[in-house]
mmCIF file of all heavy atoms, coordinates in Angstrom:
data_MODEL
# 
_entry.id   MODEL 
# 
loop_
_atom_site.group_PDB 
_atom_site.id 
_atom_site.type_symbol 
_atom_site.label_atom_id 
_atom_site.label_alt_id 
_atom_site.label_comp_id 
_atom_site.label_asym_id 
_atom_site.label_entity_id 
_atom_site.label_seq_id 
_atom_site.pdbx_PDB_ins_code 
_atom_site.Cartn_x 
_atom_site.Cartn_y 
_atom_site.Cartn_z 
_atom_site.occupancy 
_atom_site.B_iso_or_equiv 
_atom_site.pdbx_formal_charge 
_atom_site.auth_seq_id 
_atom_site.auth_comp_id 
_atom_site.auth_asym_id 
_atom_site.auth_atom_id 
_atom_site.pdbx_PDB_model_num 
ATOM 1   N N   . GLU A 1 1  ? -17.521 -3.269 3.827   1.00 0.00 ? 1  GLU A N   1 
ATOM 2   C CA  . GLU A 1 1  ? -18.075 -2.197 2.998   1.00 0.00 ? 1  GLU A CA  1 
ATOM 3   C C   . GLU A 1 1  ? -17.540 -0.833 3.384   1.00 0.00 ? 1  GLU A C   1 
ATOM 4   O O   . GLU A 1 1  ? -17.342 0.040  2.538   1.00 0.00 ? 1  GLU A O   1 
ATOM 5   C CB  . GLU A 1 1  ? -19.605 -2.209 3.091   1.00 0.00 ? 1  GLU A CB  1 
ATOM 6   C CG  . GLU A 1 1  ? -20.294 -1.251 2.142   1.00 0.00 ? 1  GLU A CG  1 
ATOM 7   C CD  . GLU A 1 1  ? -21.795 -1.364 2.183   1.00 0.00 ? 1  GLU A CD  1 
ATOM 8   O OE1 . GLU A 1 1  ? -22.313 -2.278 2.873   1.00 0.00 ? 1  GLU A OE1 1 
ATOM 9   O OE2 . GLU A 1 1  ? -22.481 -0.543 1.526   1.00 0.00 ? 1  GLU A OE2 1 
ATOM 10  N N   . HIS A 1 2  ? -17.288 -0.658 4.681   1.00 0.00 ? 2  HIS A N   1 
ATOM 11  C CA  . HIS A 1 2  ? -16.752 0.623  5.164   1.00 0.00 ? 2  HIS A CA  1 
ATOM 12  C C   . HIS A 1 2  ? -15.520 0.349  6.041   1.00 0.00 ? 2  HIS A C   1 
ATOM 13  O O   . HIS A 1 2  ? -15.579 0.464  7.267   1.00 0.00 ? 2  HIS A O   1 
ATOM 14  C CB  . HIS A 1 2  ? -17.811 1.387  5.966   1.00 0.00 ? 2  HIS A CB  1 
ATOM 15  C CG  . HIS A 1 2  ? -19.050 1.677  5.183   1.00 0.00 ? 2  HIS A CG  1 
ATOM 16  N ND1 . HIS A 1 2  ? -19.079 2.599  4.166   1.00 0.00 ? 2  HIS A ND1 1 
ATOM 17  C CD2 . HIS A 1 2  ? -20.303 1.144  5.267   1.00 0.00 ? 2  HIS A CD2 1 
ATOM 18  C CE1 . HIS A 1 2  ? -20.289 2.648  3.648   1.00 0.00 ? 2  HIS A CE1 1 
ATOM 19  N NE2 . HIS A 1 2  ? -21.054 1.777  4.300   1.00 0.00 ? 2  HIS A NE2 1 
ATOM 20  N N   . PRO A 1 3  ? -14.400 -0.003 5.420   1.00 0.00 ? 3  PRO A N   1 
ATOM 21  C CA  . PRO A 1 3  ? -13.203 -0.367 6.204   1.00 0.00 ? 3  PRO A CA  1 
ATOM 22  C C   . PRO A 1 3  ? -12.565 0.836  6.867   1.00 0.00 ? 3  PRO A C   1 
ATOM 23  O O   . PRO A 1 3  ? -12.776 1.991  6.456   1.00 0.00 ? 3  PRO A O   1 
ATOM 24  C CB  . PRO A 1 3  ? -12.281 -0.972 5.145   1.00 0.00 ? 3  PRO A CB  1 
ATOM 25  C CG  . PRO A 1 3  ? -12.676 -0.294 3.877   1.00 0.00 ? 3  PRO A CG  1 
ATOM 26  C CD  . PRO A 1 3  ? -14.156 -0.086 3.975   1.00 0.00 ? 3  PRO A CD  1 
ATOM 27  N N   . LEU A 1 4  ? -11.747 0.551  7.883   1.00 0.00 ? 4  LEU A N   1 
ATOM 28  C CA  . LEU A 1 4  ? -11.068 1.601  8.645   1.00 0.00 ? 4  LEU A CA  1 
ATOM 29  C C   . LEU A 1 4  ? -9.666  1.878  8.151   1.00 0.00 ? 4  LEU A C   1 
ATOM 30  O O   . LEU A 1 4  ? -9.249  3.029  8.010   1.00 0.00 ? 4  LEU A O   1 
ATOM 31  C CB  . LEU A 1 4  ? -10.995 1.216  10.119  1.00 0.00 ? 4  LEU A CB  1 
ATOM 32  C CG  . LEU A 1 4  ? -12.279 1.166  10.913  1.00 0.00 ? 4  LEU A CG  1 
ATOM 33  C CD1 . LEU A 1 4  ? -11.991 0.686  12.330  1.00 0.00 ? 4  LEU A CD1 1 
ATOM 34  C CD2 . LEU A 1 4  ? -12.941 2.537  10.945  1.00 0.00 ? 4  LEU A CD2 1 
ATOM 35  N N   . PHE A 1 5  ? -8.879  0.795  7.918   1.00 0.00 ? 5  PHE A N   1 
ATOM 36  C CA  . PHE A 1 5  ? -7.471  1.020  7.598   1.00 0.00 ? 5  PHE A CA  1 
ATOM 37  C C   . PHE A 1 5  ? -6.831  -0.207 6.977   1.00 0.00 ? 5  PHE A C   1 
ATOM 38  O O   . PHE A 1 5  ? -7.325  -1.334 7.093   1.00 0.00 ? 5  PHE A O   1 
ATOM 39  C CB  . PHE A 1 5  ? -6.678  1.417  8.847   1.00 0.00 ? 5  PHE A CB  1 
ATOM 40  C CG  . PHE A 1 5  ? -6.495  0.309  9.853   1.00 0.00 ? 5  PHE A CG  1 
ATOM 41  C CD1 . PHE A 1 5  ? -5.455  -0.608 9.729   1.00 0.00 ? 5  PHE A CD1 1 
ATOM 42  C CD2 . PHE A 1 5  ? -7.350  0.178  10.942  1.00 0.00 ? 5  PHE A CD2 1 
ATOM 43  C CE1 . PHE A 1 5  ? -5.278  -1.632 10.644  1.00 0.00 ? 5  PHE A CE1 1 
ATOM 44  C CE2 . PHE A 1 5  ? -7.179  -0.842 11.874  1.00 0.00 ? 5  PHE A CE2 1 
ATOM 45  C CZ  . PHE A 1 5  ? -6.137  -1.749 11.721  1.00 0.00 ? 5  PHE A CZ  1 
ATOM 46  N N   . ILE A 1 6  ? -5.707  0.042  6.324   1.00 0.00 ? 6  ILE A N   1 
ATOM 47  C CA  . ILE A 1 6  ? -4.717  -0.973 5.967   1.00 0.00 ? 6  ILE A CA  1 
ATOM 48  C C   . ILE A 1 6  ? -3.350  -0.410 6.333   1.00 0.00 ? 6  ILE A C   1 
ATOM 49  O O   . ILE A 1 6  ? -3.075  0.768  6.072   1.00 0.00 ? 6  ILE A O   1 
ATOM 50  C CB  . ILE A 1 6  ? -4.750  -1.327 4.466   1.00 0.00 ? 6  ILE A CB  1 
ATOM 51  C CG1 . ILE A 1 6  ? -6.014  -2.128 4.127   1.00 0.00 ? 6  ILE A CG1 1 
ATOM 52  C CG2 . ILE A 1 6  ? -3.516  -2.140 4.076   1.00 0.00 ? 6  ILE A CG2 1 
ATOM 53  C CD1 . ILE A 1 6  ? -6.083  -2.554 2.663   1.00 0.00 ? 6  ILE A CD1 1 
ATOM 54  N N   . VAL A 1 7  ? -2.503  -1.226 6.935   1.00 0.00 ? 7  VAL A N   1 
ATOM 55  C CA  . VAL A 1 7  ? -1.125  -0.827 7.186   1.00 0.00 ? 7  VAL A CA  1 
ATOM 56  C C   . VAL A 1 7  ? -0.217  -1.931 6.657   1.00 0.00 ? 7  VAL A C   1 
ATOM 57  O O   . VAL A 1 7  ? -0.413  -3.107 6.958   1.00 0.00 ? 7  VAL A O   1 
ATOM 58  C CB  . VAL A 1 7  ? -0.868  -0.530 8.683   1.00 0.00 ? 7  VAL A CB  1 
ATOM 59  C CG1 . VAL A 1 7  ? -1.241  -1.715 9.557   1.00 0.00 ? 7  VAL A CG1 1 
ATOM 60  C CG2 . VAL A 1 7  ? 0.573   -0.125 8.908   1.00 0.00 ? 7  VAL A CG2 1 
ATOM 61  N N   . PHE A 1 8  ? 0.740   -1.551 5.811   1.00 0.00 ? 8  PHE A N   1 
ATOM 62  C CA  . PHE A 1 8  ? 1.608   -2.487 5.094   1.00 0.00 ? 8  PHE A CA  1 
ATOM 63  C C   . PHE A 1 8  ? 3.052   -2.086 5.365   1.00 0.00 ? 8  PHE A C   1 
ATOM 64  O O   . PHE A 1 8  ? 3.456   -0.963 5.080   1.00 0.00 ? 8  PHE A O   1 
ATOM 65  C CB  . PHE A 1 8  ? 1.300   -2.395 3.597   1.00 0.00 ? 8  PHE A CB  1 
ATOM 66  C CG  . PHE A 1 8  ? 1.915   -3.472 2.739   1.00 0.00 ? 8  PHE A CG  1 
ATOM 67  C CD1 . PHE A 1 8  ? 1.156   -4.089 1.764   1.00 0.00 ? 8  PHE A CD1 1 
ATOM 68  C CD2 . PHE A 1 8  ? 3.238   -3.861 2.876   1.00 0.00 ? 8  PHE A CD2 1 
ATOM 69  C CE1 . PHE A 1 8  ? 1.706   -5.074 0.939   1.00 0.00 ? 8  PHE A CE1 1 
ATOM 70  C CE2 . PHE A 1 8  ? 3.792   -4.844 2.076   1.00 0.00 ? 8  PHE A CE2 1 
ATOM 71  C CZ  . PHE A 1 8  ? 3.019   -5.451 1.110   1.00 0.00 ? 8  PHE A CZ  1 
ATOM 72  N N   . THR A 1 9  ? 3.835   -3.016 5.904   1.00 0.00 ? 9  THR A N   1 
ATOM 73  C CA  . THR A 1 9  ? 5.255   -2.785 6.186   1.00 0.00 ? 9  THR A CA  1 
ATOM 74  C C   . THR A 1 9  ? 6.085   -3.765 5.374   1.00 0.00 ? 9  THR A C   1 
ATOM 75  O O   . THR A 1 9  ? 5.718   -4.936 5.248   1.00 0.00 ? 9  THR A O   1 
ATOM 76  C CB  . THR A 1 9  ? 5.555   -2.983 7.680   1.00 0.00 ? 9  THR A CB  1 
ATOM 77  O OG1 . THR A 1 9  ? 4.664   -2.179 8.456   1.00 0.00 ? 9  THR A OG1 1 
ATOM 78  C CG2 . THR A 1 9  ? 6.989   -2.588 8.004   1.00 0.00 ? 9  THR A CG2 1 
ATOM 79  N N   . ALA A 1 10 ? 7.198   -3.298 4.819   1.00 0.00 ? 10 ALA A N   1 
ATOM 80  C CA  . ALA A 1 10 ? 8.060   -4.164 4.010   1.00 0.00 ? 10 ALA A CA  1 
ATOM 81  C C   . ALA A 1 10 ? 9.512   -3.961 4.415   1.00 0.00 ? 10 ALA A C   1 
ATOM 82  O O   . ALA A 1 10 ? 9.975   -2.822 4.561   1.00 0.00 ? 10 ALA A O   1 
ATOM 83  C CB  . ALA A 1 10 ? 7.887   -3.863 2.528   1.00 0.00 ? 10 ALA A CB  1 
ATOM 84  N N   . TYR A 1 11 ? 10.220  -5.070 4.589   1.00 0.00 ? 11 TYR A N   1 
ATOM 85  C CA  . TYR A 1 11 ? 11.627  -5.066 4.977   1.00 0.00 ? 11 TYR A CA  1 
ATOM 86  C C   . TYR A 1 11 ? 12.497  -5.617 3.844   1.00 0.00 ? 11 TYR A C   1 
ATOM 87  O O   . TYR A 1 11 ? 12.123  -6.573 3.176   1.00 0.00 ? 11 TYR A O   1 
ATOM 88  C CB  . TYR A 1 11 ? 11.846  -5.939 6.218   1.00 0.00 ? 11 TYR A CB  1 
ATOM 89  C CG  . TYR A 1 11 ? 11.337  -5.351 7.503   1.00 0.00 ? 11 TYR A CG  1 
ATOM 90  C CD1 . TYR A 1 11 ? 10.007  -5.498 7.868   1.00 0.00 ? 11 TYR A CD1 1 
ATOM 91  C CD2 . TYR A 1 11 ? 12.187  -4.647 8.348   1.00 0.00 ? 11 TYR A CD2 1 
ATOM 92  C CE1 . TYR A 1 11 ? 9.536   -4.957 9.055   1.00 0.00 ? 11 TYR A CE1 1 
ATOM 93  C CE2 . TYR A 1 11 ? 11.728  -4.107 9.541   1.00 0.00 ? 11 TYR A CE2 1 
ATOM 94  C CZ  . TYR A 1 11 ? 10.401  -4.264 9.891   1.00 0.00 ? 11 TYR A CZ  1 
ATOM 95  O OH  . TYR A 1 11 ? 9.931   -3.720 11.062  1.00 0.00 ? 11 TYR A OH  1 
ATOM 96  N N   . ALA A 1 12 ? 13.658  -5.002 3.683   1.00 0.00 ? 12 ALA A N   1 
ATOM 97  C CA  . ALA A 1 12 ? 14.734  -5.549 2.846   1.00 0.00 ? 12 ALA A CA  1 
ATOM 98  C C   . ALA A 1 12 ? 14.300  -5.843 1.424   1.00 0.00 ? 12 ALA A C   1 
ATOM 99  O O   . ALA A 1 12 ? 14.723  -6.840 0.824   1.00 0.00 ? 12 ALA A O   1 
ATOM 100 C CB  . ALA A 1 12 ? 15.309  -6.811 3.497   1.00 0.00 ? 12 ALA A CB  1 
ATOM 101 N N   . VAL A 1 13 ? 13.457  -4.982 0.864   1.00 0.00 ? 13 VAL A N   1 
ATOM 102 C CA  . VAL A 1 13 ? 13.053  -5.144 -0.530  1.00 0.00 ? 13 VAL A CA  1 
ATOM 103 C C   . VAL A 1 13 ? 13.545  -3.942 -1.332  1.00 0.00 ? 13 VAL A C   1 
ATOM 104 O O   . VAL A 1 13 ? 13.530  -2.813 -0.838  1.00 0.00 ? 13 VAL A O   1 
ATOM 105 C CB  . VAL A 1 13 ? 11.523  -5.290 -0.672  1.00 0.00 ? 13 VAL A CB  1 
ATOM 106 C CG1 . VAL A 1 13 ? 11.059  -6.588 -0.032  1.00 0.00 ? 13 VAL A CG1 1 
ATOM 107 C CG2 . VAL A 1 13 ? 10.780  -4.105 -0.078  1.00 0.00 ? 13 VAL A CG2 1 
ATOM 108 N N   . PRO A 1 14 ? 13.989  -4.165 -2.578  1.00 0.00 ? 14 PRO A N   1 
ATOM 109 C CA  . PRO A 1 14 ? 14.440  -3.051 -3.417  1.00 0.00 ? 14 PRO A CA  1 
ATOM 110 C C   . PRO A 1 14 ? 13.253  -2.289 -3.997  1.00 0.00 ? 14 PRO A C   1 
ATOM 111 O O   . PRO A 1 14 ? 12.925  -2.393 -5.187  1.00 0.00 ? 14 PRO A O   1 
ATOM 112 C CB  . PRO A 1 14 ? 15.265  -3.753 -4.503  1.00 0.00 ? 14 PRO A CB  1 
ATOM 113 C CG  . PRO A 1 14 ? 14.647  -5.103 -4.624  1.00 0.00 ? 14 PRO A CG  1 
ATOM 114 C CD  . PRO A 1 14 ? 14.191  -5.466 -3.230  1.00 0.00 ? 14 PRO A CD  1 
ATOM 115 N N   . MET A 1 15 ? 12.607  -1.523 -3.149  1.00 0.00 ? 15 MET A N   1 
ATOM 116 C CA  . MET A 1 15 ? 11.377  -0.833 -3.509  1.00 0.00 ? 15 MET A CA  1 
ATOM 117 C C   . MET A 1 15 ? 11.272  0.409  -2.650  1.00 0.00 ? 15 MET A C   1 
ATOM 118 O O   . MET A 1 15 ? 11.701  0.417  -1.489  1.00 0.00 ? 15 MET A O   1 
ATOM 119 C CB  . MET A 1 15 ? 10.186  -1.765 -3.257  1.00 0.00 ? 15 MET A CB  1 
ATOM 120 C CG  . MET A 1 15 ? 8.842   -1.243 -3.682  1.00 0.00 ? 15 MET A CG  1 
ATOM 121 S SD  . MET A 1 15 ? 7.557   -2.491 -3.310  1.00 0.00 ? 15 MET A SD  1 
ATOM 122 C CE  . MET A 1 15 ? 6.163   -1.798 -4.193  1.00 0.00 ? 15 MET A CE  1 
ATOM 123 N N   . SER A 1 16 ? 10.707  1.472  -3.178  1.00 0.00 ? 16 SER A N   1 
ATOM 124 C CA  . SER A 1 16 ? 10.533  2.694  -2.397  1.00 0.00 ? 16 SER A CA  1 
ATOM 125 C C   . SER A 1 16 ? 9.172   2.708  -1.727  1.00 0.00 ? 16 SER A C   1 
ATOM 126 O O   . SER A 1 16 ? 8.232   2.012  -2.150  1.00 0.00 ? 16 SER A O   1 
ATOM 127 C CB  . SER A 1 16 ? 10.658  3.924  -3.299  1.00 0.00 ? 16 SER A CB  1 
ATOM 128 O OG  . SER A 1 16 ? 9.541   4.012  -4.167  1.00 0.00 ? 16 SER A OG  1 
ATOM 129 N N   . ALA A 1 17 ? 9.052   3.516  -0.702  1.00 0.00 ? 17 ALA A N   1 
ATOM 130 C CA  . ALA A 1 17 ? 7.759   3.695  -0.047  1.00 0.00 ? 17 ALA A CA  1 
ATOM 131 C C   . ALA A 1 17 ? 6.744   4.307  -1.005  1.00 0.00 ? 17 ALA A C   1 
ATOM 132 O O   . ALA A 1 17 ? 5.549   4.000  -0.938  1.00 0.00 ? 17 ALA A O   1 
ATOM 133 C CB  . ALA A 1 17 ? 7.927   4.567  1.196   1.00 0.00 ? 17 ALA A CB  1 
ATOM 134 N N   . ILE A 1 18 ? 7.214   5.166  -1.899  1.00 0.00 ? 18 ILE A N   1 
ATOM 135 C CA  . ILE A 1 18 ? 6.320   5.776  -2.887  1.00 0.00 ? 18 ILE A CA  1 
ATOM 136 C C   . ILE A 1 18 ? 5.719   4.695  -3.784  1.00 0.00 ? 18 ILE A C   1 
ATOM 137 O O   . ILE A 1 18 ? 4.516   4.673  -4.047  1.00 0.00 ? 18 ILE A O   1 
ATOM 138 C CB  . ILE A 1 18 ? 7.080   6.821  -3.723  1.00 0.00 ? 18 ILE A CB  1 
ATOM 139 C CG1 . ILE A 1 18 ? 7.483   8.004  -2.844  1.00 0.00 ? 18 ILE A CG1 1 
ATOM 140 C CG2 . ILE A 1 18 ? 6.229   7.296  -4.894  1.00 0.00 ? 18 ILE A CG2 1 
ATOM 141 C CD1 . ILE A 1 18 ? 8.383   9.001  -3.542  1.00 0.00 ? 18 ILE A CD1 1 
ATOM 142 N N   . SER A 1 19 ? 6.547   3.766  -4.255  1.00 0.00 ? 19 SER A N   1 
ATOM 143 C CA  . SER A 1 19 ? 6.045   2.682  -5.095  1.00 0.00 ? 19 SER A CA  1 
ATOM 144 C C   . SER A 1 19 ? 5.044   1.828  -4.337  1.00 0.00 ? 19 SER A C   1 
ATOM 145 O O   . SER A 1 19 ? 4.009   1.415  -4.885  1.00 0.00 ? 19 SER A O   1 
ATOM 146 C CB  . SER A 1 19 ? 7.205   1.822  -5.587  1.00 0.00 ? 19 SER A CB  1 
ATOM 147 O OG  . SER A 1 19 ? 8.079   2.555  -6.412  1.00 0.00 ? 19 SER A OG  1 
ATOM 148 N N   . LEU A 1 20 ? 5.340   1.529  -3.078  1.00 0.00 ? 20 LEU A N   1 
ATOM 149 C CA  . LEU A 1 20 ? 4.432   0.732  -2.260  1.00 0.00 ? 20 LEU A CA  1 
ATOM 150 C C   . LEU A 1 20 ? 3.099   1.447  -2.094  1.00 0.00 ? 20 LEU A C   1 
ATOM 151 O O   . LEU A 1 20 ? 2.033   0.829  -2.145  1.00 0.00 ? 20 LEU A O   1 
ATOM 152 C CB  . LEU A 1 20 ? 5.074   0.453  -0.898  1.00 0.00 ? 20 LEU A CB  1 
ATOM 153 C CG  . LEU A 1 20 ? 4.407   -0.609 -0.032  1.00 0.00 ? 20 LEU A CG  1 
ATOM 154 C CD1 . LEU A 1 20 ? 4.453   -1.969 -0.708  1.00 0.00 ? 20 LEU A CD1 1 
ATOM 155 C CD2 . LEU A 1 20 ? 5.084   -0.681 1.335   1.00 0.00 ? 20 LEU A CD2 1 
ATOM 156 N N   . LYS A 1 21 ? 3.159   2.758  -1.937  1.00 0.00 ? 21 LYS A N   1 
ATOM 157 C CA  . LYS A 1 21 ? 1.936   3.548  -1.800  1.00 0.00 ? 21 LYS A CA  1 
ATOM 158 C C   . LYS A 1 21 ? 1.081   3.466  -3.058  1.00 0.00 ? 21 LYS A C   1 
ATOM 159 O O   . LYS A 1 21 ? -0.135  3.233  -2.996  1.00 0.00 ? 21 LYS A O   1 
ATOM 160 C CB  . LYS A 1 21 ? 2.291   4.991  -1.491  1.00 0.00 ? 21 LYS A CB  1 
ATOM 161 C CG  . LYS A 1 21 ? 1.079   5.904  -1.341  1.00 0.00 ? 21 LYS A CG  1 
ATOM 162 C CD  . LYS A 1 21 ? 0.997   6.872  -2.474  1.00 0.00 ? 21 LYS A CD  1 
ATOM 163 C CE  . LYS A 1 21 ? -0.116  7.889  -2.251  1.00 0.00 ? 21 LYS A CE  1 
ATOM 164 N NZ  . LYS A 1 21 ? -0.215  8.863  -3.340  1.00 0.00 ? 21 LYS A NZ  1 
ATOM 165 N N   . PHE A 1 22 ? 1.696   3.590  -4.214  1.00 0.00 ? 22 PHE A N   1 
ATOM 166 C CA  . PHE A 1 22 ? 0.918   3.608  -5.437  1.00 0.00 ? 22 PHE A CA  1 
ATOM 167 C C   . PHE A 1 22 ? 0.369   2.236  -5.810  1.00 0.00 ? 22 PHE A C   1 
ATOM 168 O O   . PHE A 1 22 ? -0.718  2.139  -6.391  1.00 0.00 ? 22 PHE A O   1 
ATOM 169 C CB  . PHE A 1 22 ? 1.733   4.204  -6.586  1.00 0.00 ? 22 PHE A CB  1 
ATOM 170 C CG  . PHE A 1 22 ? 1.800   5.705  -6.525  1.00 0.00 ? 22 PHE A CG  1 
ATOM 171 C CD1 . PHE A 1 22 ? 3.008   6.352  -6.363  1.00 0.00 ? 22 PHE A CD1 1 
ATOM 172 C CD2 . PHE A 1 22 ? 0.646   6.480  -6.602  1.00 0.00 ? 22 PHE A CD2 1 
ATOM 173 C CE1 . PHE A 1 22 ? 3.086   7.733  -6.287  1.00 0.00 ? 22 PHE A CE1 1 
ATOM 174 C CE2 . PHE A 1 22 ? 0.695   7.859  -6.536  1.00 0.00 ? 22 PHE A CE2 1 
ATOM 175 C CZ  . PHE A 1 22 ? 1.919   8.494  -6.376  1.00 0.00 ? 22 PHE A CZ  1 
ATOM 176 N N   . VAL A 1 23 ? 1.078   1.172  -5.476  1.00 0.00 ? 23 VAL A N   1 
ATOM 177 C CA  . VAL A 1 23 ? 0.520   -0.148 -5.761  1.00 0.00 ? 23 VAL A CA  1 
ATOM 178 C C   . VAL A 1 23 ? -0.661  -0.431 -4.838  1.00 0.00 ? 23 VAL A C   1 
ATOM 179 O O   . VAL A 1 23 ? -1.671  -1.022 -5.259  1.00 0.00 ? 23 VAL A O   1 
ATOM 180 C CB  . VAL A 1 23 ? 1.601   -1.252 -5.682  1.00 0.00 ? 23 VAL A CB  1 
ATOM 181 C CG1 . VAL A 1 23 ? 2.031   -1.543 -4.262  1.00 0.00 ? 23 VAL A CG1 1 
ATOM 182 C CG2 . VAL A 1 23 ? 1.091   -2.534 -6.346  1.00 0.00 ? 23 VAL A CG2 1 
ATOM 183 N N   . LEU A 1 24 ? -0.595  -0.011 -3.567  1.00 0.00 ? 24 LEU A N   1 
ATOM 184 C CA  . LEU A 1 24 ? -1.755  -0.167 -2.686  1.00 0.00 ? 24 LEU A CA  1 
ATOM 185 C C   . LEU A 1 24 ? -2.913  0.683  -3.183  1.00 0.00 ? 24 LEU A C   1 
ATOM 186 O O   . LEU A 1 24 ? -4.075  0.236  -3.190  1.00 0.00 ? 24 LEU A O   1 
ATOM 187 C CB  . LEU A 1 24 ? -1.387  0.224  -1.252  1.00 0.00 ? 24 LEU A CB  1 
ATOM 188 C CG  . LEU A 1 24 ? -2.545  0.156  -0.244  1.00 0.00 ? 24 LEU A CG  1 
ATOM 189 C CD1 . LEU A 1 24 ? -3.083  -1.274 -0.124  1.00 0.00 ? 24 LEU A CD1 1 
ATOM 190 C CD2 . LEU A 1 24 ? -2.104  0.672  1.121   1.00 0.00 ? 24 LEU A CD2 1 
ATOM 191 N N   . GLN A 1 25 ? -2.620  1.892  -3.614  1.00 0.00 ? 25 GLN A N   1 
ATOM 192 C CA  . GLN A 1 25 ? -3.662  2.802  -4.108  1.00 0.00 ? 25 GLN A CA  1 
ATOM 193 C C   . GLN A 1 25 ? -4.418  2.182  -5.286  1.00 0.00 ? 25 GLN A C   1 
ATOM 194 O O   . GLN A 1 25 ? -5.634  2.331  -5.420  1.00 0.00 ? 25 GLN A O   1 
ATOM 195 C CB  . GLN A 1 25 ? -3.027  4.122  -4.506  1.00 0.00 ? 25 GLN A CB  1 
ATOM 196 C CG  . GLN A 1 25 ? -4.008  5.254  -4.752  1.00 0.00 ? 25 GLN A CG  1 
ATOM 197 C CD  . GLN A 1 25 ? -3.290  6.562  -4.987  1.00 0.00 ? 25 GLN A CD  1 
ATOM 198 O OE1 . GLN A 1 25 ? -2.370  6.647  -5.802  1.00 0.00 ? 25 GLN A OE1 1 
ATOM 199 N NE2 . GLN A 1 25 ? -3.690  7.588  -4.266  1.00 0.00 ? 25 GLN A NE2 1 
ATOM 200 N N   . GLU A 1 26 ? -3.686  1.472  -6.126  1.00 0.00 ? 26 GLU A N   1 
ATOM 201 C CA  . GLU A 1 26 ? -4.321  0.813  -7.269  1.00 0.00 ? 26 GLU A CA  1 
ATOM 202 C C   . GLU A 1 26 ? -5.384  -0.187 -6.823  1.00 0.00 ? 26 GLU A C   1 
ATOM 203 O O   . GLU A 1 26 ? -6.479  -0.257 -7.407  1.00 0.00 ? 26 GLU A O   1 
ATOM 204 C CB  . GLU A 1 26 ? -3.254  0.110  -8.105  1.00 0.00 ? 26 GLU A CB  1 
ATOM 205 C CG  . GLU A 1 26 ? -3.783  -0.636 -9.310  1.00 0.00 ? 26 GLU A CG  1 
ATOM 206 C CD  . GLU A 1 26 ? -2.678  -1.299 -10.108 1.00 0.00 ? 26 GLU A CD  1 
ATOM 207 O OE1 . GLU A 1 26 ? -1.511  -0.870 -9.994  1.00 0.00 ? 26 GLU A OE1 1 
ATOM 208 O OE2 . GLU A 1 26 ? -2.987  -2.254 -10.843 1.00 0.00 ? 26 GLU A OE2 1 
ATOM 209 N N   . TYR A 1 27 ? -5.078  -0.951 -5.778  1.00 0.00 ? 27 TYR A N   1 
ATOM 210 C CA  . TYR A 1 27 ? -6.014  -1.974 -5.323  1.00 0.00 ? 27 TYR A CA  1 
ATOM 211 C C   . TYR A 1 27 ? -7.088  -1.432 -4.389  1.00 0.00 ? 27 TYR A C   1 
ATOM 212 O O   . TYR A 1 27 ? -8.069  -2.127 -4.115  1.00 0.00 ? 27 TYR A O   1 
ATOM 213 C CB  . TYR A 1 27 ? -5.252  -3.133 -4.673  1.00 0.00 ? 27 TYR A CB  1 
ATOM 214 C CG  . TYR A 1 27 ? -4.569  -3.975 -5.707  1.00 0.00 ? 27 TYR A CG  1 
ATOM 215 C CD1 . TYR A 1 27 ? -3.263  -3.708 -6.100  1.00 0.00 ? 27 TYR A CD1 1 
ATOM 216 C CD2 . TYR A 1 27 ? -5.241  -5.002 -6.346  1.00 0.00 ? 27 TYR A CD2 1 
ATOM 217 C CE1 . TYR A 1 27 ? -2.645  -4.448 -7.089  1.00 0.00 ? 27 TYR A CE1 1 
ATOM 218 C CE2 . TYR A 1 27 ? -4.630  -5.760 -7.342  1.00 0.00 ? 27 TYR A CE2 1 
ATOM 219 C CZ  . TYR A 1 27 ? -3.331  -5.471 -7.705  1.00 0.00 ? 27 TYR A CZ  1 
ATOM 220 O OH  . TYR A 1 27 ? -2.725  -6.196 -8.694  1.00 0.00 ? 27 TYR A OH  1 
ATOM 221 N N   . MET A 1 28 ? -6.918  -0.183 -3.942  1.00 0.00 ? 28 MET A N   1 
ATOM 222 C CA  . MET A 1 28 ? -7.926  0.445  -3.086  1.00 0.00 ? 28 MET A CA  1 
ATOM 223 C C   . MET A 1 28 ? -8.799  1.421  -3.876  1.00 0.00 ? 28 MET A C   1 
ATOM 224 O O   . MET A 1 28 ? -9.532  2.209  -3.293  1.00 0.00 ? 28 MET A O   1 
ATOM 225 C CB  . MET A 1 28 ? -7.238  1.170  -1.929  1.00 0.00 ? 28 MET A CB  1 
ATOM 226 C CG  . MET A 1 28 ? -6.479  0.248  -0.991  1.00 0.00 ? 28 MET A CG  1 
ATOM 227 S SD  . MET A 1 28 ? -7.557  -0.871 -0.086  1.00 0.00 ? 28 MET A SD  1 
ATOM 228 C CE  . MET A 1 28 ? -8.228  0.287  1.110   1.00 0.00 ? 28 MET A CE  1 
ATOM 229 N N   . ALA A 1 29 ? -8.721  1.359  -5.189  1.00 0.00 ? 29 ALA A N   1 
ATOM 230 C CA  . ALA A 1 29 ? -9.502  2.270  -6.034  1.00 0.00 ? 29 ALA A CA  1 
ATOM 231 C C   . ALA A 1 29 ? -10.987 2.189  -5.670  1.00 0.00 ? 29 ALA A C   1 
ATOM 232 O O   . ALA A 1 29 ? -11.545 1.101  -5.483  1.00 0.00 ? 29 ALA A O   1 
ATOM 233 C CB  . ALA A 1 29 ? -9.305  1.922  -7.504  1.00 0.00 ? 29 ALA A CB  1 
ATOM 234 N N   . GLY A 1 30 ? -11.606 3.362  -5.568  1.00 0.00 ? 30 GLY A N   1 
ATOM 235 C CA  . GLY A 1 30 ? -13.026 3.425  -5.226  1.00 0.00 ? 30 GLY A CA  1 
ATOM 236 C C   . GLY A 1 30 ? -13.278 3.647  -3.755  1.00 0.00 ? 30 GLY A C   1 
ATOM 237 O O   . GLY A 1 30 ? -14.423 3.924  -3.361  1.00 0.00 ? 30 GLY A O   1 
# 
């Protein structure tokens, strides 16, 4: 109910850190 953190690391994928941030933000809504 009151989480502390999520840390997500990605290697060798054709994706930017900005994109990774926004997809996580979508699932952390609220």
